[in-house]
Amino acid sequence: MVEDQIKRRGIIDKRVLAAMEEIPRHEFVEEGLKGVAYQDGPLPIGMDQTISQPYIVALMSELLDVSEEDKVLEVGTGSGYQAAVISRFAMSVVTVERIPELYKKAKKTLRKLGYNNITVVLADGSIGYREYAPYNRIIVTAASPFVPDELIEQLTDPGKIVIPVGGMFTQQLVVLKKEAGKVIKTDSIGVRFVPLKGRKGWENGA
């Protein structure tokens, strides 16, 4: 997976590559899909949600540019796989899931695999999570109609957000860098994520 799907597409961050070589992706998918866990594509995890394509997990992790002193907020825990990857080179990860069934399953999986620097929270992540704010890095793993102000407010200065922004079916992966009170936006590639739900997501925010 790492050689064929990730390195060949230009991912060079050694920490990201090492994490994705080490982490057992098959532990984060349904029993009947374990045989295809390392294939090049997203997979369903129930409740109309997916585990992202390995390359997209790697790309977002690289764009986030996490250091070992960083506290990271992830919006959209899903299976817990993206949080597991980031946890290998972050100080700590707070990951927020709004669907109780996925929250319980991800928490169980991450605990079983020994990821002790990840805190899994059941809440509306579209407005961030103020209890542990501020965060040095924020990653959103669902499609947002815009960048919620709450996420920018909960980001340190300097800090960085990686988030897919756009319509319900196609989005642009966006990197926002907060520095000296200003927010600079850079576009990455086109992507397709499940919609972000919540107060500042597609349920109420658009």
Protein backbone atom coordinates (compact mmCIF):
# COMPACT_ATOMS: atom_id res chain seq x y z
CA MET A 1 0.00 0.00 0.00
CA VAL A 2 2.65 2.51 1.03
CA GLU A 3 4.95 1.76 -1.91
CA ASP A 4 2.31 1.51 -4.64
CA GLN A 5 -0.35 3.99 -3.55
CA ILE A 6 1.43 6.61 -1.45
CA LYS A 7 5.13 6.98 -2.27
CA ARG A 8 4.52 6.82 -6.02
CA ARG A 9 2.06 9.70 -5.77
CA GLY A 10 4.58 12.01 -4.17
CA ILE A 11 4.15 11.68 -0.41
CA ILE A 12 7.62 12.20 1.06
CA ASP A 13 7.06 12.85 4.79
CA LYS A 14 8.95 9.97 6.40
CA ARG A 15 6.83 10.15 9.56
CA VAL A 16 3.61 9.74 7.57
CA LEU A 17 5.05 6.86 5.56
CA ALA A 18 6.32 5.12 8.70
CA ALA A 19 2.99 5.53 10.49
CA MET A 20 1.04 4.07 7.58
CA GLU A 21 3.45 1.16 7.30
CA GLU A 22 3.06 0.45 11.01
CA ILE A 23 -0.68 0.90 11.61
CA PRO A 24 -2.89 -2.14 10.86
CA ARG A 25 -5.53 -0.58 8.60
CA HIS A 26 -7.52 -3.83 8.58
CA GLU A 27 -8.33 -3.29 12.26
CA PHE A 28 -10.35 -0.20 11.32
CA VAL A 29 -12.72 -1.80 8.79
CA GLU A 30 -15.67 -4.18 8.98
CA GLU A 31 -14.91 -7.89 9.36
CA GLY A 32 -16.06 -8.69 5.83
CA LEU A 33 -13.80 -6.03 4.32
CA LYS A 34 -10.53 -6.89 6.03
CA GLY A 35 -9.28 -8.62 2.89
CA VAL A 36 -9.53 -5.38 0.89
CA ALA A 37 -8.45 -2.99 3.67
CA TYR A 38 -5.22 -2.02 1.88
CA GLN A 39 -6.73 -1.42 -1.55
CA ASP A 40 -6.65 1.98 -3.25
CA GLY A 41 -10.01 3.43 -2.30
CA PRO A 42 -12.40 4.36 0.51
CA LEU A 43 -14.44 1.67 2.27
CA PRO A 44 -17.81 1.80 4.08
CA ILE A 45 -17.69 1.65 7.87
CA GLY A 46 -21.44 1.82 8.50
CA MET A 47 -23.89 4.65 9.18
CA ASP A 48 -23.28 6.01 5.63
CA GLN A 49 -19.69 6.86 6.53
CA THR A 50 -16.36 5.73 5.08
CA ILE A 51 -12.71 5.20 5.89
CA SER A 52 -10.79 7.40 3.47
CA GLN A 53 -8.58 6.18 0.64
CA PRO A 54 -5.04 5.55 1.95
CA TYR A 55 -3.51 8.21 -0.32
CA ILE A 56 -5.93 10.87 0.95
CA VAL A 57 -5.12 9.97 4.58
CA ALA A 58 -1.43 10.33 3.77
CA LEU A 59 -1.85 13.58 1.84
CA MET A 60 -3.92 15.26 4.55
CA SER A 61 -1.46 14.09 7.20
CA GLU A 62 1.45 15.53 5.23
CA LEU A 63 -0.34 18.83 4.53
CA LEU A 64 -1.15 19.19 8.23
CA ASP A 65 2.60 19.30 8.98
CA VAL A 66 2.34 18.12 12.58
CA SER A 67 5.23 18.30 15.05
CA GLU A 68 5.71 16.27 18.23
CA GLU A 69 4.75 19.29 20.37
CA ASP A 70 1.40 19.79 18.61
CA LYS A 71 -2.08 19.21 19.96
CA VAL A 72 -4.36 18.22 17.09
CA LEU A 73 -8.14 18.38 16.74
CA GLU A 74 -9.77 15.99 14.28
CA VAL A 75 -13.37 16.63 13.25
CA GLY A 76 -14.95 13.36 12.14
CA THR A 77 -13.43 10.33 13.88
CA GLY A 78 -15.11 7.75 11.67
CA SER A 79 -13.16 4.52 12.08
CA GLY A 80 -10.35 6.21 14.02
CA TYR A 81 -7.71 5.45 11.37
CA GLN A 82 -6.79 9.05 10.52
CA ALA A 83 -6.44 9.87 14.22
CA ALA A 84 -4.20 6.83 14.67
CA VAL A 85 -1.90 7.96 11.86
CA ILE A 86 -1.56 11.50 13.21
CA SER A 87 -1.05 10.28 16.76
CA ARG A 88 2.27 8.71 15.77
CA PHE A 89 3.91 12.13 15.35
CA ALA A 90 1.73 14.50 17.43
CA MET A 91 1.83 15.18 21.15
CA SER A 92 -1.90 14.45 21.42
CA VAL A 93 -5.05 14.12 19.30
CA VAL A 94 -8.61 15.07 20.25
CA THR A 95 -10.98 13.45 17.77
CA VAL A 96 -14.69 14.29 17.66
CA GLU A 97 -17.46 12.05 16.31
CA ARG A 98 -21.19 12.86 16.26
CA ILE A 99 -22.54 9.34 15.56
CA PRO A 100 -22.71 7.30 18.80
CA GLU A 101 -22.18 3.92 17.13
CA LEU A 102 -19.00 5.06 15.36
CA TYR A 103 -17.78 6.86 18.47
CA LYS A 104 -18.06 3.67 20.54
CA LYS A 105 -16.45 1.47 17.89
CA ALA A 106 -13.52 3.84 17.22
CA LYS A 107 -12.88 4.34 20.93
CA LYS A 108 -12.80 0.56 21.44
CA THR A 109 -10.46 0.01 18.48
CA LEU A 110 -8.02 2.75 19.47
CA ARG A 111 -7.93 1.54 23.07
CA LYS A 112 -7.38 -2.06 21.94
CA LEU A 113 -4.44 -1.01 19.76
CA GLY A 114 -2.87 1.10 22.51
CA TYR A 115 -3.15 4.62 21.12
CA ASN A 116 -2.95 6.34 24.49
CA ASN A 117 -2.48 9.92 23.27
CA ILE A 118 -5.88 10.03 21.53
CA THR A 119 -9.01 11.35 23.24
CA VAL A 120 -12.27 10.34 21.50
CA VAL A 121 -15.22 12.67 22.09
CA LEU A 122 -18.92 12.34 21.22
CA ALA A 123 -20.01 15.83 20.12
CA ASP A 124 -20.80 18.13 17.19
CA GLY A 125 -17.37 18.66 15.68
CA SER A 126 -18.58 21.24 13.16
CA ILE A 127 -18.12 23.79 15.96
CA GLY A 128 -14.82 22.32 17.11
CA TYR A 129 -14.37 21.28 20.73
CA ARG A 130 -13.67 24.13 23.13
CA GLU A 131 -12.90 22.04 26.22
CA TYR A 132 -9.38 21.23 25.02
CA ALA A 133 -8.79 24.28 22.80
CA PRO A 134 -6.65 25.84 21.48
CA TYR A 135 -5.18 23.41 18.96
CA ASN A 136 -1.98 23.75 16.93
CA ARG A 137 -3.48 21.79 14.07
CA ILE A 138 -7.06 20.97 13.00
CA ILE A 139 -8.05 18.37 10.42
CA VAL A 140 -11.61 17.91 9.13
CA THR A 141 -12.41 14.58 7.51
CA ALA A 142 -15.86 15.45 6.13
CA ALA A 143 -16.97 17.89 3.43
CA SER A 144 -17.84 21.35 4.72
CA PRO A 145 -19.76 24.06 2.85
CA PHE A 146 -17.33 26.61 4.36
CA VAL A 147 -14.66 26.86 7.05
CA PRO A 148 -16.48 27.29 10.39
CA ASP A 149 -15.37 30.39 12.32
CA GLU A 150 -15.22 28.29 15.48
CA LEU A 151 -12.39 26.23 14.06
CA ILE A 152 -10.34 29.31 13.21
CA GLU A 153 -11.01 30.70 16.70
CA GLN A 154 -9.84 27.45 18.35
CA LEU A 155 -6.62 27.40 16.32
CA THR A 156 -3.37 28.69 17.79
CA ASP A 157 -1.42 31.47 16.09
CA PRO A 158 0.56 30.13 14.30
CA GLY A 159 -1.55 27.15 13.37
CA LYS A 160 -2.93 25.20 10.44
CA ILE A 161 -6.24 23.68 9.29
CA VAL A 162 -6.74 21.07 6.56
CA ILE A 163 -10.36 20.76 5.42
CA PRO A 164 -12.35 19.73 2.31
CA VAL A 165 -14.59 22.64 1.27
CA GLY A 166 -17.21 22.74 -1.46
CA GLY A 167 -20.49 21.11 -2.46
CA MET A 168 -22.19 17.96 -1.26
CA PHE A 169 -20.50 15.77 -3.87
CA THR A 170 -17.15 17.34 -4.79
CA GLN A 171 -14.81 19.57 -2.82
CA GLN A 172 -11.41 21.22 -2.83
CA LEU A 173 -8.93 20.20 -0.16
CA VAL A 174 -7.96 23.48 1.49
CA VAL A 175 -5.07 24.39 3.78
CA LEU A 176 -5.52 27.45 6.01
CA LYS A 177 -2.48 28.85 7.75
CA LYS A 178 -3.03 31.24 10.66
CA GLU A 179 -0.09 33.53 11.30
CA ALA A 180 0.27 36.99 12.89
CA GLY A 181 -3.50 37.35 13.07
CA LYS A 182 -4.02 36.61 9.38
CA VAL A 183 -5.43 33.50 7.71
CA ILE A 184 -3.87 32.48 4.40
CA LYS A 185 -5.72 29.94 2.22
CA THR A 186 -4.06 27.52 -0.19
CA ASP A 187 -5.88 25.03 -2.40
CA SER A 188 -4.71 21.44 -2.81
CA ILE A 189 -6.44 18.75 -4.88
CA GLY A 190 -10.08 18.01 -5.68
CA VAL A 191 -11.64 15.43 -3.35
CA ARG A 192 -14.92 13.74 -2.48
CA PHE A 193 -15.88 13.30 1.18
CA VAL A 194 -19.08 12.46 2.99
CA PRO A 195 -20.84 15.67 4.14
CA LEU A 196 -20.03 17.32 7.46
CA LYS A 197 -23.15 17.37 9.62
CA GLY A 198 -23.95 19.62 12.58
CA ARG A 199 -24.58 23.26 13.44
CA LYS A 200 -21.94 24.51 10.99
CA GLY A 201 -22.23 21.65 8.51
CA TRP A 202 -24.74 20.63 5.89
CA GLU A 203 -27.48 19.84 8.39
CA ASN A 204 -27.91 23.40 9.61
CA GLY A 205 -25.10 25.58 8.29
CA ALA A 206 -25.92 25.49 4.60
